[in-house]
């Protein structure tokens, strides 16, 4: 990418960008998926042609889904959602029929470790908390609750 005049972002090493005046072209790569976007269609097409010469590629058109995040467009702008991710997580945990709440934990309820606590499946707990952490990308409203439950990753209990 650097040979084509792109710079690697410092905050995310999978993101490459190229500025030309007011125009910008972006490429983000994750394993075998990539997003190419920007403000100049001819620059985007030129990049896609260069990449196609070196890699087997398929253009899937407008971005709809990437890494568990759904992308939809309207006149108001671009909307990011993890609806399918949430539905899959609820099904996995047997909570498909749950009722939405403003805060998924009691206000001012302090969690602590008790001597008689009943241990739970540590691997499953850590996996679920990891999925909840990923969910906070589009649901910052649950960040506090997720940070509370993540404090018990080393010794989870019922």
Foldseek 3Di string as FASTA:
>chain_A
DVVVVWDADPVDRQKIWHDDPPKMWIWGDDDPDIDIDIDDPVVSVVVVVVVVVVDPDDDPPDQADDPQWGWDADPVGIDIDNVVLVCVLCVVVVNNPPDDDQEPDDPPDDDDDDPPFAFDDLVVLVVSLVSVVVRCVRVVSHVVVSVRSVVCSVTDGD
